Amino acid sequence: MDSYFNLVVRNIRDTIPKMIGHFLVRNSQENLQYSIYNEIMKSEEMLRELGEPLHIQEERETVT
């Protein structure tokens, strides 16, 4: 019983820091993604660069 208890305690000690790190990394990624998205949406030039090329847009409008 003592061996089993020691094994469980060791597994919990190993797991908790991993879980904390996982949640910190995930939260950082979400914040970074949100910040990048906001900066891109603020910049008209960036939206133009990431958007559809003008000749394709004109062709689509012509076909429609």
PDB file of N, CA and C in Angstrom:
ATOM      1  N   MET A   1       0.822  -1.181   0.000  1.00  0.00           N
ATOM      2  CA  MET A   1       0.000   0.000   0.000  1.00  0.00           C
ATOM      3  C   MET A   1       0.875   1.258   0.000  1.00  0.00           C
ATOM      4  N   ASP A   2       1.952   1.242   0.792  1.00  0.00           N
ATOM      5  CA  ASP A   2       2.848   2.393   0.837  1.00  0.00           C
ATOM      6  C   ASP A   2       3.508   2.638  -0.519  1.00  0.00           C
ATOM      7  N   SER A   3       3.894   1.566  -1.178  1.00  0.00           N
ATOM      8  CA  SER A   3       4.528   1.703  -2.494  1.00  0.00           C
ATOM      9  C   SER A   3       3.555   2.328  -3.496  1.00  0.00           C
ATOM     10  N   TYR A   4       2.313   1.878  -3.458  1.00  0.00           N
ATOM     11  CA  TYR A   4       1.299   2.425  -4.357  1.00  0.00           C
ATOM     12  C   TYR A   4       1.071   3.909  -4.055  1.00  0.00           C
ATOM     13  N   PHE A   5       0.946   4.250  -2.805  1.00  0.00           N
ATOM     14  CA  PHE A   5       0.742   5.640  -2.401  1.00  0.00           C
ATOM     15  C   PHE A   5       1.908   6.516  -2.867  1.00  0.00           C
ATOM     16  N   ASN A   6       3.132   6.039  -2.676  1.00  0.00           N
ATOM     17  CA  ASN A   6       4.311   6.786  -3.116  1.00  0.00           C
ATOM     18  C   ASN A   6       4.330   6.978  -4.636  1.00  0.00           C
ATOM     19  N   LEU A   7       3.897   5.957  -5.355  1.00  0.00           N
ATOM     20  CA  LEU A   7       3.820   6.042  -6.808  1.00  0.00           C
ATOM     21  C   LEU A   7       2.803   7.105  -7.237  1.00  0.00           C
ATOM     22  N   VAL A   8       1.638   7.109  -6.605  1.00  0.00           N
ATOM     23  CA  VAL A   8       0.598   8.093  -6.920  1.00  0.00           C
ATOM     24  C   VAL A   8       1.084   9.505  -6.609  1.00  0.00           C
ATOM     25  N   VAL A   9       1.713   9.686  -5.469  1.00  0.00           N
ATOM     26  CA  VAL A   9       2.219  11.011  -5.089  1.00  0.00           C
ATOM     27  C   VAL A   9       3.262  11.481  -6.099  1.00  0.00           C
ATOM     28  N   ARG A  10       4.142  10.601  -6.519  1.00  0.00           N
ATOM     29  CA  ARG A  10       5.172  10.968  -7.491  1.00  0.00           C
ATOM     30  C   ARG A  10       4.544  11.352  -8.836  1.00  0.00           C
ATOM     31  N   ASN A  11       3.545  10.598  -9.259  1.00  0.00           N
ATOM     32  CA  ASN A  11       2.867  10.916 -10.521  1.00  0.00           C
ATOM     33  C   ASN A  11       2.166  12.272 -10.445  1.00  0.00           C
ATOM     34  N   ILE A  12       1.539  12.557  -9.327  1.00  0.00           N
ATOM     35  CA  ILE A  12       0.871  13.849  -9.163  1.00  0.00           C
ATOM     36  C   ILE A  12       1.897  14.973  -9.154  1.00  0.00           C
ATOM     37  N   ARG A  13       3.011  14.779  -8.468  1.00  0.00           N
ATOM     38  CA  ARG A  13       4.069  15.794  -8.447  1.00  0.00           C
ATOM     39  C   ARG A  13       4.627  16.060  -9.847  1.00  0.00           C
ATOM     40  N   ASP A  14       4.671  15.031 -10.686  1.00  0.00           N
ATOM     41  CA  ASP A  14       5.161  15.203 -12.051  1.00  0.00           C
ATOM     42  C   ASP A  14       4.104  15.857 -12.946  1.00  0.00           C
ATOM     43  N   THR A  15       2.851  15.559 -12.697  1.00  0.00           N
ATOM     44  CA  THR A  15       1.773  16.011 -13.567  1.00  0.00           C
ATOM     45  C   THR A  15       1.399  17.475 -13.346  1.00  0.00           C
ATOM     46  N   ILE A  16       1.381  17.928 -12.118  1.00  0.00           N
ATOM     47  CA  ILE A  16       0.921  19.286 -11.808  1.00  0.00           C
ATOM     48  C   ILE A  16       1.767  20.352 -12.509  1.00  0.00           C
ATOM     49  N   PRO A  17       3.090  20.323 -12.453  1.00  0.00           N
ATOM     50  CA  PRO A  17       3.856  21.347 -13.188  1.00  0.00           C
ATOM     51  C   PRO A  17       3.621  21.302 -14.704  1.00  0.00           C
ATOM     52  N   LYS A  18       3.426  20.092 -15.238  1.00  0.00           N
ATOM     53  CA  LYS A  18       3.138  19.978 -16.670  1.00  0.00           C
ATOM     54  C   LYS A  18       1.808  20.638 -17.006  1.00  0.00           C
ATOM     55  N   MET A  19       0.810  20.437 -16.172  1.00  0.00           N
ATOM     56  CA  MET A  19      -0.498  21.037 -16.412  1.00  0.00           C
ATOM     57  C   MET A  19      -0.434  22.562 -16.303  1.00  0.00           C
ATOM     58  N   ILE A  20       0.286  23.054 -15.307  1.00  0.00           N
ATOM     59  CA  ILE A  20       0.432  24.503 -15.146  1.00  0.00           C
ATOM     60  C   ILE A  20       1.121  25.089 -16.370  1.00  0.00           C
ATOM     61  N   GLY A  21       2.178  24.461 -16.824  1.00  0.00           N
ATOM     62  CA  GLY A  21       2.875  24.922 -18.023  1.00  0.00           C
ATOM     63  C   GLY A  21       1.979  24.899 -19.246  1.00  0.00           C
ATOM     64  N   HIS A  22       1.181  23.852 -19.382  1.00  0.00           N
ATOM     65  CA  HIS A  22       0.257  23.734 -20.507  1.00  0.00           C
ATOM     66  C   HIS A  22      -0.727  24.898 -20.509  1.00  0.00           C
ATOM     67  N   PHE A  23      -1.321  25.208 -19.360  1.00  0.00           N
ATOM     68  CA  PHE A  23      -2.300  26.286 -19.295  1.00  0.00           C
ATOM     69  C   PHE A  23      -1.643  27.646 -19.528  1.00  0.00           C
ATOM     70  N   LEU A  24      -0.428  27.844 -19.037  1.00  0.00           N
ATOM     71  CA  LEU A  24       0.272  29.114 -19.270  1.00  0.00           C
ATOM     72  C   LEU A  24       0.586  29.301 -20.748  1.00  0.00           C
ATOM     73  N   VAL A  25       1.071  28.247 -21.396  1.00  0.00           N
ATOM     74  CA  VAL A  25       1.401  28.329 -22.820  1.00  0.00           C
ATOM     75  C   VAL A  25       0.142  28.561 -23.637  1.00  0.00           C
ATOM     76  N   ARG A  26      -0.919  27.844 -23.333  1.00  0.00           N
ATOM     77  CA  ARG A  26      -2.169  28.007 -24.079  1.00  0.00           C
ATOM     78  C   ARG A  26      -2.719  29.417 -23.930  1.00  0.00           C
ATOM     79  N   ASN A  27      -2.693  29.952 -22.715  1.00  0.00           N
ATOM     80  CA  ASN A  27      -3.181  31.308 -22.481  1.00  0.00           C
ATOM     81  C   ASN A  27      -2.319  32.322 -23.231  1.00  0.00           C
ATOM     82  N   SER A  28      -1.009  32.128 -23.221  1.00  0.00           N
ATOM     83  CA  SER A  28      -0.115  33.032 -23.954  1.00  0.00           C
ATOM     84  C   SER A  28      -0.392  32.982 -25.452  1.00  0.00           C
ATOM     85  N   GLN A  29      -0.621  31.807 -25.983  1.00  0.00           N
ATOM     86  CA  GLN A  29      -0.913  31.668 -27.404  1.00  0.00           C
ATOM     87  C   GLN A  29      -2.211  32.386 -27.769  1.00  0.00           C
ATOM     88  N   GLU A  30      -3.238  32.232 -26.941  1.00  0.00           N
ATOM     89  CA  GLU A  30      -4.512  32.887 -27.214  1.00  0.00           C
ATOM     90  C   GLU A  30      -4.361  34.403 -27.174  1.00  0.00           C
ATOM     91  N   ASN A  31      -3.631  34.912 -26.186  1.00  0.00           N
ATOM     92  CA  ASN A  31      -3.421  36.359 -26.095  1.00  0.00           C
ATOM     93  C   ASN A  31      -2.625  36.879 -27.281  1.00  0.00           C
ATOM     94  N   LEU A  32      -1.590  36.159 -27.682  1.00  0.00           N
ATOM     95  CA  LEU A  32      -0.781  36.565 -28.810  1.00  0.00           C
ATOM     96  C   LEU A  32      -1.598  36.551 -30.103  1.00  0.00           C
ATOM     97  N   GLN A  33      -2.382  35.510 -30.283  1.00  0.00           N
ATOM     98  CA  GLN A  33      -3.214  35.400 -31.478  1.00  0.00           C
ATOM     99  C   GLN A  33      -4.221  36.549 -31.530  1.00  0.00           C
ATOM    100  N   TYR A  34      -4.822  36.882 -30.410  1.00  0.00           N
ATOM    101  CA  TYR A  34      -5.793  37.973 -30.346  1.00  0.00           C
ATOM    102  C   TYR A  34      -5.108  39.303 -30.660  1.00  0.00           C
ATOM    103  N   SER A  35      -3.927  39.526 -30.124  1.00  0.00           N
ATOM    104  CA  SER A  35      -3.192  40.773 -30.375  1.00  0.00           C
ATOM    105  C   SER A  35      -2.808  40.906 -31.844  1.00  0.00           C
ATOM    106  N   ILE A  36      -2.318  39.824 -32.433  1.00  0.00           N
ATOM    107  CA  ILE A  36      -1.937  39.853 -33.844  1.00  0.00           C
ATOM    108  C   ILE A  36      -3.157  40.123 -34.714  1.00  0.00           C
ATOM    109  N   TYR A  37      -4.256  39.473 -34.426  1.00  0.00           N
ATOM    110  CA  TYR A  37      -5.489  39.667 -35.190  1.00  0.00           C
ATOM    111  C   TYR A  37      -5.937  41.122 -35.119  1.00  0.00           C
ATOM    112  N   ASN A  38      -5.905  41.707 -33.927  1.00  0.00           N
ATOM    113  CA  ASN A  38      -6.324  43.103 -33.768  1.00  0.00           C
ATOM    114  C   ASN A  38      -5.418  44.046 -34.549  1.00  0.00           C
ATOM    115  N   GLU A  39      -4.112  43.818 -34.517  1.00  0.00           N
ATOM    116  CA  GLU A  39      -3.186  44.681 -35.246  1.00  0.00           C
ATOM    117  C   GLU A  39      -3.401  44.572 -36.756  1.00  0.00           C
ATOM    118  N   ILE A  40      -3.662  43.372 -37.232  1.00  0.00           N
ATOM    119  CA  ILE A  40      -3.906  43.186 -38.667  1.00  0.00           C
ATOM    120  C   ILE A  40      -5.190  43.891 -39.074  1.00  0.00           C
ATOM    121  N   MET A  41      -6.216  43.770 -38.268  1.00  0.00           N
ATOM    122  CA  MET A  41      -7.500  44.388 -38.610  1.00  0.00           C
ATOM    123  C   MET A  41      -7.429  45.913 -38.553  1.00  0.00           C
ATOM    124  N   LYS A  42      -6.518  46.476 -37.769  1.00  0.00           N
ATOM    125  CA  LYS A  42      -6.365  47.935 -37.686  1.00  0.00           C
ATOM    126  C   LYS A  42      -5.666  48.501 -38.914  1.00  0.00           C
ATOM    127  N   SER A  43      -4.816  47.741 -39.530  1.00  0.00           N
ATOM    128  CA  SER A  43      -3.970  48.232 -40.611  1.00  0.00           C
ATOM    129  C   SER A  43      -4.622  47.974 -41.970  1.00  0.00           C
ATOM    130  N   GLU A  44      -4.992  49.058 -42.661  1.00  0.00           N
ATOM    131  CA  GLU A  44      -5.572  48.934 -43.997  1.00  0.00           C
ATOM    132  C   GLU A  44      -4.561  48.336 -44.978  1.00  0.00           C
ATOM    133  N   GLU A  45      -3.297  48.749 -44.850  1.00  0.00           N
ATOM    134  CA  GLU A  45      -2.262  48.239 -45.750  1.00  0.00           C
ATOM    135  C   GLU A  45      -2.099  46.729 -45.585  1.00  0.00           C
ATOM    136  N   MET A  46      -2.114  46.256 -44.340  1.00  0.00           N
ATOM    137  CA  MET A  46      -1.967  44.824 -44.081  1.00  0.00           C
ATOM    138  C   MET A  46      -3.167  44.065 -44.647  1.00  0.00           C
ATOM    139  N   LEU A  47      -4.361  44.607 -44.483  1.00  0.00           N
ATOM    140  CA  LEU A  47      -5.552  43.957 -45.040  1.00  0.00           C
ATOM    141  C   LEU A  47      -5.465  43.878 -46.563  1.00  0.00           C
ATOM    142  N   ARG A  48      -4.945  44.943 -47.181  1.00  0.00           N
ATOM    143  CA  ARG A  48      -4.780  44.942 -48.629  1.00  0.00           C
ATOM    144  C   ARG A  48      -3.781  43.871 -49.060  1.00  0.00           C
ATOM    145  N   GLU A  49      -2.678  43.753 -48.322  1.00  0.00           N
ATOM    146  CA  GLU A  49      -1.646  42.776 -48.680  1.00  0.00           C
ATOM    147  C   GLU A  49      -2.129  41.338 -48.493  1.00  0.00           C
ATOM    148  N   LEU A  50      -2.925  41.113 -47.476  1.00  0.00           N
ATOM    149  CA  LEU A  50      -3.401  39.758 -47.195  1.00  0.00           C
ATOM    150  C   LEU A  50      -4.673  39.418 -47.961  1.00  0.00           C
ATOM    151  N   GLY A  51      -5.292  40.412 -48.559  1.00  0.00           N
ATOM    152  CA  GLY A  51      -6.560  40.209 -49.248  1.00  0.00           C
ATOM    153  C   GLY A  51      -6.385  39.636 -50.645  1.00  0.00           C
ATOM    154  N   GLU A  52      -7.488  39.593 -51.332  1.00  0.00           N
ATOM    155  CA  GLU A  52      -7.540  39.063 -52.683  1.00  0.00           C
ATOM    156  C   GLU A  52      -6.888  40.055 -53.653  1.00  0.00           C
ATOM    157  N   PRO A  53      -6.077  39.587 -54.594  1.00  0.00           N
ATOM    158  CA  PRO A  53      -5.482  40.490 -55.580  1.00  0.00           C
ATOM    159  C   PRO A  53      -6.565  41.210 -56.394  1.00  0.00           C
ATOM    160  N   LEU A  54      -6.260  42.419 -56.810  1.00  0.00           N
ATOM    161  CA  LEU A  54      -7.232  43.264 -57.493  1.00  0.00           C
ATOM    162  C   LEU A  54      -7.719  42.630 -58.787  1.00  0.00           C
ATOM    163  N   HIS A  55      -6.817  42.020 -59.574  1.00  0.00           N
ATOM    164  CA  HIS A  55      -7.248  41.436 -60.851  1.00  0.00           C
ATOM    165  C   HIS A  55      -8.205  40.262 -60.646  1.00  0.00           C
ATOM    166  N   ILE A  56      -8.035  39.513 -59.591  1.00  0.00           N
ATOM    167  CA  ILE A  56      -8.951  38.399 -59.313  1.00  0.00           C
ATOM    168  C   ILE A  56     -10.298  38.943 -58.849  1.00  0.00           C
ATOM    169  N   GLN A  57     -10.263  39.978 -58.047  1.00  0.00           N
ATOM    170  CA  GLN A  57     -11.507  40.594 -57.582  1.00  0.00           C
ATOM    171  C   GLN A  57     -12.291  41.157 -58.770  1.00  0.00           C
ATOM    172  N   GLU A  58     -11.612  41.831 -59.702  1.00  0.00           N
ATOM    173  CA  GLU A  58     -12.279  42.375 -60.882  1.00  0.00           C
ATOM    174  C   GLU A  58     -12.857  41.257 -61.748  1.00  0.00           C
ATOM    175  N   GLU A  59     -12.103  40.173 -61.900  1.00  0.00           N
ATOM    176  CA  GLU A  59     -12.587  39.039 -62.703  1.00  0.00           C
ATOM    177  C   GLU A  59     -13.817  38.415 -62.069  1.00  0.00           C
ATOM    178  N   ARG A  60     -13.812  38.274 -60.744  1.00  0.00           N
ATOM    179  CA  ARG A  60     -14.965  37.705 -60.039  1.00  0.00           C
ATOM    180  C   ARG A  60     -16.188  38.594 -60.226  1.00  0.00           C
ATOM    181  N   GLU A  61     -16.011  39.921 -60.133  1.00  0.00           N
ATOM    182  CA  GLU A  61     -17.128  40.841 -60.304  1.00  0.00           C
ATOM    183  C   GLU A  61     -17.644  40.799 -61.738  1.00  0.00           C
ATOM    184  N   THR A  62     -16.742  40.643 -62.708  1.00  0.00           N
ATOM    185  CA  THR A  62     -17.139  40.554 -64.103  1.00  0.00           C
ATOM    186  C   THR A  62     -17.948  39.284 -64.352  1.00  0.00           C
ATOM    187  N   VAL A  63     -17.510  38.189 -63.810  1.00  0.00           N
ATOM    188  CA  VAL A  63     -18.190  36.907 -63.994  1.00  0.00           C
ATOM    189  C   VAL A  63     -19.575  36.951 -63.321  1.00  0.00           C
ATOM    190  N   THR A  64     -19.655  37.629 -62.192  1.00  0.00           N
ATOM    191  CA  THR A  64     -20.937  37.722 -61.496  1.00  0.00           C
ATOM    192  C   THR A  64     -21.884  38.573 -62.304  1.00  0.00           C
TER     193      THR A  64
END
